[in-house]
Amino acid sequence: MDAMVLRQIGGPLVLETRPDPVPDPGEVRIRVEACALCRTDLHVIDGELPDLRLPIVPGHEIVGRVEASGAGVAGPAIGARVGVPWLGHTCGACAYCAAGRENLCDAAGFTGYTRDGGFATHVLAAAAFTIPLSETADPVATAPLLCAGLIGWRTLRMAGEAARIGLYGFGAAAHIVAQICRHQGRAVYAFTRPGDLKAQGFARDLGAAWAGDSGTSSPVALDAALIFAPDGALVPAALRAVRKGGSIVCGGIHMSDIPAFPYALLWGERRVLSVANLTREDARSFFALAPRVGIITRTRVFPLTQAEAAIAAHRSGIEGAAVLVP
């Protein structure tokens, strides 16, 4: 197998040829068809997440076909198309797992962070944590759904029945959430990097009622704001935009420090929440909804060996998602 490997924090990804991995009991080996690049991959590469295992193969938005199974695997079947998300495994026994909150398991493992991911021709995954996908699914179009879609969906669900939604950071997750909101009859207000007219136009193309700079006041009082950009300064900005009783939901795994802000911004029963990882139930509900929404992902394809170019494109603010194809 070929893999793009991170050997040191901040360093380039290096192409390595390795023996094809052999699945342990409960695992499957998957031949990767496509793996999208997520902002979390940048946090891994930049050393912004704790306890990183090095060397590591990043990538956790994986679509591929099962090629081999370890002992005790009843499914998925050899040849089946599956997705591999960020949540790689959990203990299955702690209070969080027992309560259906496996995303909070202290013994969880994560694809492309604590176990090798999908910037490769092959990847091992715990069979029980793979996601069944349609045989007719387009691997490139589907790959961003495995994290941008799932985390976006979990973030939106935490906003409850909010009718007017502010999206801060209009990248891979937000462009999927915007389509779900339109399907559900919610109004979307998109806040982008200052001066990013291209992203603002993209948001309007996807049905946003308004799009503008993140430093601009919202034209309406929002019921909820979803923050996907890793900028802590957006929290007080979003609090200013949200009505009393509204929610701020931070959808990223990493964010810069939130600056001090007046208590008056929080007062009025406003809430600030965070999203941590995802659950398999999130995947089941999201992939049941996605065909009804007719989600169209904006993607740009890169060969596996051009992972560094894909990373550079993501850092510069690519519309939608970069996707690596072996």
C-alpha atoms as a PDB file:
ATOM      1  CA  MET A   1       0.000   0.000   0.000  1.00  0.00           C
ATOM      2  CA  ASP A   2       0.970   3.650  -0.444  1.00  0.00           C
ATOM      3  CA  ALA A   3       0.355   6.203   2.287  1.00  0.00           C
ATOM      4  CA  MET A   4       1.020   9.878   2.918  1.00  0.00           C
ATOM      5  CA  VAL A   5       2.604   9.943   6.377  1.00  0.00           C
ATOM      6  CA  LEU A   6       3.064  12.757   8.896  1.00  0.00           C
ATOM      7  CA  ARG A   7       6.361  12.128  10.717  1.00  0.00           C
ATOM      8  CA  GLN A   8       6.695  15.389  12.634  1.00  0.00           C
ATOM      9  CA  ILE A   9       4.341  18.139  13.706  1.00  0.00           C
ATOM     10  CA  GLY A  10       4.131  20.812  11.053  1.00  0.00           C
ATOM     11  CA  GLY A  11       6.174  18.720   8.671  1.00  0.00           C
ATOM     12  CA  PRO A  12       5.247  17.688   5.148  1.00  0.00           C
ATOM     13  CA  LEU A  13       3.404  14.468   4.417  1.00  0.00           C
ATOM     14  CA  VAL A  14       5.830  11.889   3.020  1.00  0.00           C
ATOM     15  CA  LEU A  15       4.879   9.133   0.589  1.00  0.00           C
ATOM     16  CA  GLU A  16       5.669   5.677   1.965  1.00  0.00           C
ATOM     17  CA  THR A  17       5.139   2.223   0.494  1.00  0.00           C
ATOM     18  CA  ARG A  18       4.218  -0.356   3.122  1.00  0.00           C
ATOM     19  CA  PRO A  19       2.939  -3.934   3.167  1.00  0.00           C
ATOM     20  CA  ASP A  20      -0.855  -4.125   2.933  1.00  0.00           C
ATOM     21  CA  PRO A  21      -2.148  -4.066   6.547  1.00  0.00           C
ATOM     22  CA  VAL A  22      -3.616  -7.275   7.996  1.00  0.00           C
ATOM     23  CA  PRO A  23      -6.896  -6.806   9.900  1.00  0.00           C
ATOM     24  CA  ASP A  24      -6.966  -7.861  13.552  1.00  0.00           C
ATOM     25  CA  PRO A  25     -10.074  -9.536  15.025  1.00  0.00           C
ATOM     26  CA  GLY A  26     -13.042  -7.219  14.592  1.00  0.00           C
ATOM     27  CA  GLU A  27     -11.342  -5.180  11.865  1.00  0.00           C
ATOM     28  CA  VAL A  28     -11.690  -4.888   8.116  1.00  0.00           C
ATOM     29  CA  ARG A  29      -9.194  -3.737   5.503  1.00  0.00           C
ATOM     30  CA  ILE A  30     -10.641  -1.190   3.101  1.00  0.00           C
ATOM     31  CA  ARG A  31      -9.355  -0.211  -0.309  1.00  0.00           C
ATOM     32  CA  VAL A  32      -9.723   3.567  -0.309  1.00  0.00           C
ATOM     33  CA  GLU A  33     -11.672   5.102  -3.196  1.00  0.00           C
ATOM     34  CA  ALA A  34     -11.646   8.674  -1.881  1.00  0.00           C
ATOM     35  CA  CYS A  35     -10.744  10.567   1.295  1.00  0.00           C
ATOM     36  CA  ALA A  36     -11.772  14.175   1.831  1.00  0.00           C
ATOM     37  CA  LEU A  37      -9.604  16.669   3.670  1.00  0.00           C
ATOM     38  CA  CYS A  38     -11.090  18.142   6.848  1.00  0.00           C
ATOM     39  CA  ARG A  39     -10.029  21.118   8.957  1.00  0.00           C
ATOM     40  CA  THR A  40      -9.363  18.613  11.758  1.00  0.00           C
ATOM     41  CA  ASP A  41      -6.620  17.129   9.564  1.00  0.00           C
ATOM     42  CA  LEU A  42      -4.963  20.548   9.625  1.00  0.00           C
ATOM     43  CA  HIS A  43      -5.229  20.626  13.423  1.00  0.00           C
ATOM     44  CA  VAL A  44      -3.513  17.208  13.500  1.00  0.00           C
ATOM     45  CA  ILE A  45      -0.755  18.302  11.117  1.00  0.00           C
ATOM     46  CA  ASP A  46      -0.209  21.565  13.016  1.00  0.00           C
ATOM     47  CA  GLY A  47      -0.031  19.810  16.404  1.00  0.00           C
ATOM     48  CA  GLU A  48      -3.071  21.628  17.793  1.00  0.00           C
ATOM     49  CA  LEU A  49      -4.609  18.439  19.225  1.00  0.00           C
ATOM     50  CA  PRO A  50      -3.080  16.752  22.298  1.00  0.00           C
ATOM     51  CA  ASP A  51      -1.360  13.364  22.507  1.00  0.00           C
ATOM     52  CA  LEU A  52      -0.833  12.955  18.772  1.00  0.00           C
ATOM     53  CA  ARG A  53       0.603   9.606  17.774  1.00  0.00           C
ATOM     54  CA  LEU A  54       3.492   9.924  15.332  1.00  0.00           C
ATOM     55  CA  PRO A  55       4.047   8.795  12.673  1.00  0.00           C
ATOM     56  CA  ILE A  56       0.406   8.975  11.587  1.00  0.00           C
ATOM     57  CA  VAL A  57      -1.525   8.747   8.318  1.00  0.00           C
ATOM     58  CA  PRO A  58      -4.172  11.521   8.492  1.00  0.00           C
ATOM     59  CA  GLY A  59      -7.632  11.408   6.947  1.00  0.00           C
ATOM     60  CA  HIS A  60     -11.038  10.486   8.367  1.00  0.00           C
ATOM     61  CA  GLU A  61     -13.579  11.162   5.605  1.00  0.00           C
ATOM     62  CA  ILE A  62     -13.042   7.835   3.866  1.00  0.00           C
ATOM     63  CA  VAL A  63     -15.057   5.983   1.242  1.00  0.00           C
ATOM     64  CA  GLY A  64     -13.890   2.579   0.085  1.00  0.00           C
ATOM     65  CA  ARG A  65     -14.612  -1.104  -0.380  1.00  0.00           C
ATOM     66  CA  VAL A  66     -13.996  -3.887   2.099  1.00  0.00           C
ATOM     67  CA  GLU A  67     -11.142  -6.040   0.877  1.00  0.00           C
ATOM     68  CA  ALA A  68     -10.425  -8.371   3.839  1.00  0.00           C
ATOM     69  CA  SER A  69     -11.877  -9.190   7.263  1.00  0.00           C
ATOM     70  CA  GLY A  70     -10.367 -10.208  10.590  1.00  0.00           C
ATOM     71  CA  ALA A  71     -11.686 -12.938  12.820  1.00  0.00           C
ATOM     72  CA  GLY A  72     -15.187 -12.506  14.209  1.00  0.00           C
ATOM     73  CA  VAL A  73     -16.407  -9.996  11.621  1.00  0.00           C
ATOM     74  CA  ALA A  74     -19.980 -10.744  10.530  1.00  0.00           C
ATOM     75  CA  GLY A  75     -20.227  -7.633   8.357  1.00  0.00           C
ATOM     76  CA  PRO A  76     -19.742  -5.590   6.316  1.00  0.00           C
ATOM     77  CA  ALA A  77     -19.238  -8.141   3.550  1.00  0.00           C
ATOM     78  CA  ILE A  78     -16.189  -8.351   1.321  1.00  0.00           C
ATOM     79  CA  GLY A  79     -16.726  -5.953  -1.578  1.00  0.00           C
ATOM     80  CA  ALA A  80     -19.225  -3.749   0.260  1.00  0.00           C
ATOM     81  CA  ARG A  81     -18.825   0.016  -0.006  1.00  0.00           C
ATOM     82  CA  VAL A  82     -18.465   1.660   3.398  1.00  0.00           C
ATOM     83  CA  GLY A  83     -17.527   4.940   5.001  1.00  0.00           C
ATOM     84  CA  VAL A  84     -14.971   5.388   7.758  1.00  0.00           C
ATOM     85  CA  PRO A  85     -15.543   8.464   9.973  1.00  0.00           C
ATOM     86  CA  TRP A  86     -13.591  10.247  12.710  1.00  0.00           C
ATOM     87  CA  LEU A  87     -14.880   7.999  15.518  1.00  0.00           C
ATOM     88  CA  GLY A  88     -12.771   4.869  15.117  1.00  0.00           C
ATOM     89  CA  HIS A  89     -13.767   2.850  18.183  1.00  0.00           C
ATOM     90  CA  THR A  90     -15.007   3.191  21.773  1.00  0.00           C
ATOM     91  CA  CYS A  91     -14.799   1.066  24.910  1.00  0.00           C
ATOM     92  CA  GLY A  92     -18.510   0.186  24.753  1.00  0.00           C
ATOM     93  CA  ALA A  93     -18.674  -0.198  28.535  1.00  0.00           C
ATOM     94  CA  CYS A  94     -18.366   3.212  30.196  1.00  0.00           C
ATOM     95  CA  ALA A  95     -21.262   5.361  31.407  1.00  0.00           C
ATOM     96  CA  TYR A  96     -21.101   7.504  28.262  1.00  0.00           C
ATOM     97  CA  CYS A  97     -21.260   4.507  25.930  1.00  0.00           C
ATOM     98  CA  ALA A  98     -24.092   2.965  27.959  1.00  0.00           C
ATOM     99  CA  ALA A  99     -26.068   6.204  27.697  1.00  0.00           C
ATOM    100  CA  GLY A 100     -25.702   6.448  23.914  1.00  0.00           C
ATOM    101  CA  ARG A 101     -23.112   9.219  24.206  1.00  0.00           C
ATOM    102  CA  GLU A 102     -20.207   7.249  22.770  1.00  0.00           C
ATOM    103  CA  ASN A 103     -18.792  10.473  21.324  1.00  0.00           C
ATOM    104  CA  LEU A 104     -17.682  11.328  24.884  1.00  0.00           C
ATOM    105  CA  CYS A 105     -16.002   7.984  25.650  1.00  0.00           C
ATOM    106  CA  ASP A 106     -12.644   8.589  27.362  1.00  0.00           C
ATOM    107  CA  ALA A 107     -11.162   5.478  25.728  1.00  0.00           C
ATOM    108  CA  ALA A 108     -12.272   6.294  22.183  1.00  0.00           C
ATOM    109  CA  GLY A 109      -9.955   6.062  19.191  1.00  0.00           C
ATOM    110  CA  PHE A 110     -10.028   8.390  16.206  1.00  0.00           C
ATOM    111  CA  THR A 111      -9.292   7.789  12.544  1.00  0.00           C
ATOM    112  CA  GLY A 112      -6.303   9.735  11.276  1.00  0.00           C
ATOM    113  CA  TYR A 113      -5.357  10.844  14.790  1.00  0.00           C
ATOM    114  CA  THR A 114      -4.864   7.868  17.122  1.00  0.00           C
ATOM    115  CA  ARG A 115      -5.049   5.271  14.336  1.00  0.00           C
ATOM    116  CA  ASP A 116      -3.932   5.536  10.710  1.00  0.00           C
ATOM    117  CA  GLY A 117      -6.415   7.147   8.376  1.00  0.00           C
ATOM    118  CA  GLY A 118      -7.363   7.416   4.745  1.00  0.00           C
ATOM    119  CA  PHE A 119      -4.587   9.417   3.068  1.00  0.00           C
ATOM    120  CA  ALA A 120      -3.583   6.041   1.671  1.00  0.00           C
ATOM    121  CA  THR A 121      -4.568   3.304  -0.745  1.00  0.00           C
ATOM    122  CA  HIS A 122      -5.709   1.057   2.143  1.00  0.00           C
ATOM    123  CA  VAL A 123      -6.891   1.553   5.727  1.00  0.00           C
ATOM    124  CA  LEU A 124      -7.873  -0.661   8.646  1.00  0.00           C
ATOM    125  CA  ALA A 125     -11.112   0.100  10.488  1.00  0.00           C
ATOM    126  CA  ALA A 126     -13.149  -1.431  13.281  1.00  0.00           C
ATOM    127  CA  ALA A 127     -15.942  -3.193  11.418  1.00  0.00           C
ATOM    128  CA  ALA A 128     -18.581  -2.062  13.916  1.00  0.00           C
ATOM    129  CA  PHE A 129     -17.695   1.597  13.294  1.00  0.00           C
ATOM    130  CA  THR A 130     -17.897   1.550   9.503  1.00  0.00           C
ATOM    131  CA  ILE A 131     -20.921   3.138   7.844  1.00  0.00           C
ATOM    132  CA  PRO A 132     -22.783   1.261   5.092  1.00  0.00           C
ATOM    133  CA  LEU A 133     -23.026   3.284   1.890  1.00  0.00           C
ATOM    134  CA  SER A 134     -25.033   2.905  -1.277  1.00  0.00           C
ATOM    135  CA  GLU A 135     -23.483   0.903  -4.095  1.00  0.00           C
ATOM    136  CA  THR A 136     -24.394   3.758  -6.426  1.00  0.00           C
ATOM    137  CA  ALA A 137     -22.789   6.438  -4.257  1.00  0.00           C
ATOM    138  CA  ASP A 138     -20.152   8.631  -5.901  1.00  0.00           C
ATOM    139  CA  PRO A 139     -17.073   8.157  -3.671  1.00  0.00           C
ATOM    140  CA  VAL A 140     -15.732  11.685  -4.256  1.00  0.00           C
ATOM    141  CA  ALA A 141     -19.072  13.402  -3.616  1.00  0.00           C
ATOM    142  CA  THR A 142     -19.761  11.224  -0.578  1.00  0.00           C
ATOM    143  CA  ALA A 143     -16.396  11.553   1.181  1.00  0.00           C
ATOM    144  CA  PRO A 144     -17.053  15.035   2.684  1.00  0.00           C
ATOM    145  CA  LEU A 145     -20.262  13.731   4.236  1.00  0.00           C
ATOM    146  CA  LEU A 146     -18.222  11.472   6.547  1.00  0.00           C
ATOM    147  CA  CYS A 147     -17.198  14.390   8.782  1.00  0.00           C
ATOM    148  CA  ALA A 148     -18.247  17.764   7.387  1.00  0.00           C
ATOM    149  CA  GLY A 149     -21.702  16.275   6.904  1.00  0.00           C
ATOM    150  CA  LEU A 150     -21.871  14.335  10.162  1.00  0.00           C
ATOM    151  CA  ILE A 151     -20.438  17.066  12.389  1.00  0.00           C
ATOM    152  CA  GLY A 152     -22.526  19.674  10.598  1.00  0.00           C
ATOM    153  CA  TRP A 153     -25.625  17.566  11.183  1.00  0.00           C
ATOM    154  CA  ARG A 154     -24.849  17.053  14.890  1.00  0.00           C
ATOM    155  CA  THR A 155     -24.172  20.787  15.280  1.00  0.00           C
ATOM    156  CA  LEU A 156     -27.458  21.687  13.596  1.00  0.00           C
ATOM    157  CA  ARG A 157     -29.404  19.222  15.752  1.00  0.00           C
ATOM    158  CA  MET A 158     -28.011  20.847  18.885  1.00  0.00           C
ATOM    159  CA  ALA A 159     -29.583  24.123  17.731  1.00  0.00           C
ATOM    160  CA  GLY A 160     -33.035  22.586  18.120  1.00  0.00           C
ATOM    161  CA  GLU A 161     -35.907  24.089  16.155  1.00  0.00           C
ATOM    162  CA  ALA A 162     -34.172  27.390  15.428  1.00  0.00           C
ATOM    163  CA  ALA A 163     -35.694  28.992  12.342  1.00  0.00           C
ATOM    164  CA  ARG A 164     -33.038  31.634  11.615  1.00  0.00           C
ATOM    165  CA  ILE A 165     -29.564  30.094  11.595  1.00  0.00           C
ATOM    166  CA  GLY A 166     -26.265  31.965  11.389  1.00  0.00           C
ATOM    167  CA  LEU A 167     -23.360  29.989   9.909  1.00  0.00           C
ATOM    168  CA  TYR A 168     -19.929  31.346  10.849  1.00  0.00           C
ATOM    169  CA  GLY A 169     -17.262  30.012   8.485  1.00  0.00           C
ATOM    170  CA  PHE A 170     -18.678  28.906   5.154  1.00  0.00           C
ATOM    171  CA  GLY A 171     -16.577  25.867   4.273  1.00  0.00           C
ATOM    172  CA  ALA A 172     -17.188  22.157   3.874  1.00  0.00           C
ATOM    173  CA  ALA A 173     -19.533  21.697   6.857  1.00  0.00           C
ATOM    174  CA  ALA A 174     -21.499  24.913   6.382  1.00  0.00           C
ATOM    175  CA  HIS A 175     -22.173  24.310   2.693  1.00  0.00           C
ATOM    176  CA  ILE A 176     -23.782  20.971   3.611  1.00  0.00           C
ATOM    177  CA  VAL A 177     -25.702  22.402   6.578  1.00  0.00           C
ATOM    178  CA  ALA A 178     -27.040  25.219   4.381  1.00  0.00           C
ATOM    179  CA  GLN A 179     -28.641  22.662   2.083  1.00  0.00           C
ATOM    180  CA  ILE A 180     -30.239  20.828   5.006  1.00  0.00           C
ATOM    181  CA  CYS A 181     -31.566  24.103   6.383  1.00  0.00           C
ATOM    182  CA  ARG A 182     -33.092  25.000   3.029  1.00  0.00           C
ATOM    183  CA  HIS A 183     -34.739  21.553   2.881  1.00  0.00           C
ATOM    184  CA  GLN A 184     -36.148  22.062   6.395  1.00  0.00           C
ATOM    185  CA  GLY A 185     -37.441  25.551   5.674  1.00  0.00           C
ATOM    186  CA  ARG A 186     -34.933  27.387   7.869  1.00  0.00           C
ATOM    187  CA  ALA A 187     -33.391  30.719   6.880  1.00  0.00           C
ATOM    188  CA  VAL A 188     -29.587  30.797   6.625  1.00  0.00           C
ATOM    189  CA  TYR A 189     -27.372  33.825   7.285  1.00  0.00           C
ATOM    190  CA  ALA A 190     -23.762  33.174   6.228  1.00  0.00           C
ATOM    191  CA  PHE A 191     -20.814  34.944   7.880  1.00  0.00           C
ATOM    192  CA  THR A 192     -17.473  34.569   6.074  1.00  0.00           C
ATOM    193  CA  ARG A 193     -13.926  35.857   6.355  1.00  0.00           C
ATOM    194  CA  PRO A 194     -13.905  39.617   5.783  1.00  0.00           C
ATOM    195  CA  GLY A 195     -13.836  40.372   2.075  1.00  0.00           C
ATOM    196  CA  ASP A 196     -14.437  36.770   0.954  1.00  0.00           C
ATOM    197  CA  LEU A 197     -16.951  37.682  -1.740  1.00  0.00           C
ATOM    198  CA  LYS A 198     -16.516  34.309  -3.441  1.00  0.00           C
ATOM    199  CA  ALA A 199     -17.659  32.403  -0.348  1.00  0.00           C
ATOM    200  CA  GLN A 200     -20.529  34.839   0.136  1.00  0.00           C
ATOM    201  CA  GLY A 201     -21.673  34.257  -3.430  1.00  0.00           C
ATOM    202  CA  PHE A 202     -21.380  30.497  -2.883  1.00  0.00           C
ATOM    203  CA  ALA A 203     -23.613  30.798   0.184  1.00  0.00           C
ATOM    204  CA  ARG A 204     -26.231  32.729  -1.756  1.00  0.00           C
ATOM    205  CA  ASP A 205     -26.121  30.140  -4.529  1.00  0.00           C
ATOM    206  CA  LEU A 206     -27.011  27.538  -1.887  1.00  0.00           C
ATOM    207  CA  GLY A 207     -30.031  29.532  -0.770  1.00  0.00           C
ATOM    208  CA  ALA A 208     -28.686  31.770   2.007  1.00  0.00           C
ATOM    209  CA  ALA A 209     -31.035  34.657   2.771  1.00  0.00           C
ATOM    210  CA  TRP A 210     -28.008  36.866   3.454  1.00  0.00           C
ATOM    211  CA  ALA A 211     -24.219  36.598   3.320  1.00  0.00           C
ATOM    212  CA  GLY A 212     -21.587  39.004   4.591  1.00  0.00           C
ATOM    213  CA  ASP A 213     -18.403  39.503   6.606  1.00  0.00           C
ATOM    214  CA  SER A 214     -18.128  37.934  10.059  1.00  0.00           C
ATOM    215  CA  GLY A 215     -17.416  41.379  11.496  1.00  0.00           C
ATOM    216  CA  THR A 216     -20.714  42.706  10.172  1.00  0.00           C
ATOM    217  CA  SER A 217     -23.830  42.953  12.316  1.00  0.00           C
ATOM    218  CA  SER A 218     -26.504  40.415  11.473  1.00  0.00           C
ATOM    219  CA  PRO A 219     -29.436  41.911   9.546  1.00  0.00           C
ATOM    220  CA  VAL A 220     -31.848  39.998  11.824  1.00  0.00           C
ATOM    221  CA  ALA A 221     -31.854  38.579  15.347  1.00  0.00           C
ATOM    222  CA  LEU A 222     -30.764  34.954  14.958  1.00  0.00           C
ATOM    223  CA  ASP A 223     -32.349  32.019  16.770  1.00  0.00           C
ATOM    224  CA  ALA A 224     -29.031  30.151  16.740  1.00  0.00           C
ATOM    225  CA  ALA A 225     -25.503  30.497  15.410  1.00  0.00           C
ATOM    226  CA  LEU A 226     -23.310  27.580  14.345  1.00  0.00           C
ATOM    227  CA  ILE A 227     -19.576  28.300  14.395  1.00  0.00           C
ATOM    228  CA  PHE A 228     -17.377  26.156  12.163  1.00  0.00           C
ATOM    229  CA  ALA A 229     -14.372  28.475  11.868  1.00  0.00           C
ATOM    230  CA  PRO A 230     -11.750  27.848  14.616  1.00  0.00           C
ATOM    231  CA  ASP A 231     -11.724  31.483  15.736  1.00  0.00           C
ATOM    232  CA  GLY A 232     -12.730  32.092  19.356  1.00  0.00           C
ATOM    233  CA  ALA A 233     -13.446  35.761  18.623  1.00  0.00           C
ATOM    234  CA  LEU A 234     -16.523  34.633  16.699  1.00  0.00           C
ATOM    235  CA  VAL A 235     -18.240  33.519  19.925  1.00  0.00           C
ATOM    236  CA  PRO A 236     -18.904  37.034  21.295  1.00  0.00           C
ATOM    237  CA  ALA A 237     -19.695  38.182  17.754  1.00  0.00           C
ATOM    238  CA  ALA A 238     -22.318  35.458  17.462  1.00  0.00           C
ATOM    239  CA  LEU A 239     -23.701  36.255  20.920  1.00  0.00           C
ATOM    240  CA  ARG A 240     -24.330  39.802  19.728  1.00  0.00           C
ATOM    241  CA  ALA A 241     -26.313  38.404  16.801  1.00  0.00           C
ATOM    242  CA  VAL A 242     -28.442  35.878  18.707  1.00  0.00           C
ATOM    243  CA  ARG A 243     -31.735  36.774  20.342  1.00  0.00           C
ATOM    244  CA  LYS A 244     -32.562  36.080  23.994  1.00  0.00           C
ATOM    245  CA  GLY A 245     -32.983  32.348  24.549  1.00  0.00           C
ATOM    246  CA  GLY A 246     -30.857  31.545  21.506  1.00  0.00           C
ATOM    247  CA  SER A 247     -27.883  29.191  21.193  1.00  0.00           C
ATOM    248  CA  ILE A 248     -24.302  29.350  19.976  1.00  0.00           C
ATOM    249  CA  VAL A 249     -23.023  25.916  18.923  1.00  0.00           C
ATOM    250  CA  CYS A 250     -19.285  25.516  18.310  1.00  0.00           C
ATOM    251  CA  GLY A 251     -18.810  22.696  15.823  1.00  0.00           C
ATOM    252  CA  GLY A 252     -15.019  22.392  15.704  1.00  0.00           C
ATOM    253  CA  ILE A 253     -12.677  20.142  17.672  1.00  0.00           C
ATOM    254  CA  HIS A 254     -10.251  23.044  18.170  1.00  0.00           C
ATOM    255  CA  MET A 255     -10.750  26.769  18.554  1.00  0.00           C
ATOM    256  CA  SER A 256      -8.512  29.658  19.549  1.00  0.00           C
ATOM    257  CA  ASP A 257      -9.177  31.174  22.955  1.00  0.00           C
ATOM    258  CA  ILE A 258     -12.494  32.948  23.384  1.00  0.00           C
ATOM    259  CA  PRO A 259     -11.820  36.556  24.379  1.00  0.00           C
ATOM    260  CA  ALA A 260     -13.460  38.109  27.430  1.00  0.00           C
ATOM    261  CA  PHE A 261     -16.875  39.598  26.752  1.00  0.00           C
ATOM    262  CA  PRO A 262     -19.512  41.449  28.807  1.00  0.00           C
ATOM    263  CA  TYR A 263     -21.912  39.247  30.733  1.00  0.00           C
ATOM    264  CA  ALA A 264     -24.730  41.208  29.075  1.00  0.00           C
ATOM    265  CA  LEU A 265     -24.014  39.321  25.838  1.00  0.00           C
ATOM    266  CA  LEU A 266     -24.713  35.984  27.542  1.00  0.00           C
ATOM    267  CA  TRP A 267     -27.548  37.189  29.732  1.00  0.00           C
ATOM    268  CA  GLY A 268     -31.078  36.529  28.551  1.00  0.00           C
ATOM    269  CA  GLU A 269     -30.722  32.743  28.724  1.00  0.00           C
ATOM    270  CA  ARG A 270     -28.432  32.550  25.732  1.00  0.00           C
ATOM    271  CA  ARG A 271     -26.352  29.359  25.653  1.00  0.00           C
ATOM    272  CA  VAL A 272     -22.885  28.475  24.363  1.00  0.00           C
ATOM    273  CA  LEU A 273     -22.469  24.773  23.505  1.00  0.00           C
ATOM    274  CA  SER A 274     -19.774  22.611  21.958  1.00  0.00           C
ATOM    275  CA  VAL A 275     -19.964  19.551  19.744  1.00  0.00           C
ATOM    276  CA  ALA A 276     -17.583  16.692  20.501  1.00  0.00           C
ATOM    277  CA  ASN A 277     -16.974  14.076  17.822  1.00  0.00           C
ATOM    278  CA  LEU A 278     -20.020  12.117  16.590  1.00  0.00           C
ATOM    279  CA  THR A 279     -21.978   8.947  17.248  1.00  0.00           C
ATOM    280  CA  ARG A 280     -23.050   6.083  15.035  1.00  0.00           C
ATOM    281  CA  GLU A 281     -26.631   7.222  15.579  1.00  0.00           C
ATOM    282  CA  ASP A 282     -25.672  10.559  14.000  1.00  0.00           C
ATOM    283  CA  ALA A 283     -24.492   8.603  10.950  1.00  0.00           C
ATOM    284  CA  ARG A 284     -27.676   6.549  10.726  1.00  0.00           C
ATOM    285  CA  SER A 285     -29.967   9.576  10.919  1.00  0.00           C
ATOM    286  CA  PHE A 286     -27.840  11.725   8.614  1.00  0.00           C
ATOM    287  CA  PHE A 287     -27.465   9.154   5.843  1.00  0.00           C
ATOM    288  CA  ALA A 288     -31.216   8.478   6.026  1.00  0.00           C
ATOM    289  CA  LEU A 289     -31.868  12.207   5.552  1.00  0.00           C
ATOM    290  CA  ALA A 290     -29.211  12.997   2.923  1.00  0.00           C
ATOM    291  CA  PRO A 291     -30.987  11.383  -0.075  1.00  0.00           C
ATOM    292  CA  ARG A 292     -34.181  13.311   0.715  1.00  0.00           C
ATOM    293  CA  VAL A 293     -32.269  16.583   0.871  1.00  0.00           C
ATOM    294  CA  GLY A 294     -30.392  15.858  -2.347  1.00  0.00           C
ATOM    295  CA  ILE A 295     -27.137  17.188  -0.911  1.00  0.00           C
ATOM    296  CA  ILE A 296     -24.629  18.246  -3.548  1.00  0.00           C
ATOM    297  CA  THR A 297     -21.059  18.572  -2.275  1.00  0.00           C
ATOM    298  CA  ARG A 298     -18.664  20.995  -3.930  1.00  0.00           C
ATOM    299  CA  THR A 299     -15.364  19.145  -4.334  1.00  0.00           C
ATOM    300  CA  ARG A 300     -11.940  19.527  -5.894  1.00  0.00           C
ATOM    301  CA  VAL A 301     -10.035  16.297  -6.594  1.00  0.00           C
ATOM    302  CA  PHE A 302      -6.311  15.782  -5.959  1.00  0.00           C
ATOM    303  CA  PRO A 303      -4.247  12.639  -6.534  1.00  0.00           C
ATOM    304  CA  LEU A 304      -3.074  11.032  -3.296  1.00  0.00           C
ATOM    305  CA  THR A 305       0.520  12.071  -3.979  1.00  0.00           C
ATOM    306  CA  GLN A 306      -0.591  15.731  -4.149  1.00  0.00           C
ATOM    307  CA  ALA A 307      -1.806  15.798  -0.558  1.00  0.00           C
ATOM    308  CA  GLU A 308       0.344  18.848   0.177  1.00  0.00           C
ATOM    309  CA  ALA A 309      -1.372  20.775  -2.622  1.00  0.00           C
ATOM    310  CA  ALA A 310      -4.759  19.774  -1.213  1.00  0.00           C
ATOM    311  CA  ILE A 311      -3.711  21.005   2.232  1.00  0.00           C
ATOM    312  CA  ALA A 312      -2.574  24.329   0.774  1.00  0.00           C
ATOM    313  CA  ALA A 313      -5.892  24.713  -1.052  1.00  0.00           C
ATOM    314  CA  HIS A 314      -7.801  24.045   2.145  1.00  0.00           C
ATOM    315  CA  ARG A 315      -5.767  26.597   4.088  1.00  0.00           C
ATOM    316  CA  SER A 316      -6.442  29.241   1.459  1.00  0.00           C
ATOM    317  CA  GLY A 317     -10.212  28.780   1.738  1.00  0.00           C
ATOM    318  CA  ILE A 318     -11.339  26.281  -0.899  1.00  0.00           C
ATOM    319  CA  GLU A 319     -15.052  26.242  -1.732  1.00  0.00           C
ATOM    320  CA  GLY A 320     -16.465  22.989  -0.425  1.00  0.00           C
ATOM    321  CA  ALA A 321     -13.882  20.237   0.147  1.00  0.00           C
ATOM    322  CA  ALA A 322     -10.596  18.927  -1.239  1.00  0.00           C
ATOM    323  CA  VAL A 323     -10.719  15.175  -1.898  1.00  0.00           C
ATOM    324  CA  LEU A 324      -7.750  12.834  -2.306  1.00  0.00           C
ATOM    325  CA  VAL A 325      -8.153   9.941  -4.732  1.00  0.00           C
ATOM    326  CA  PRO A 326      -5.535   7.128  -4.758  1.00  0.00           C
END
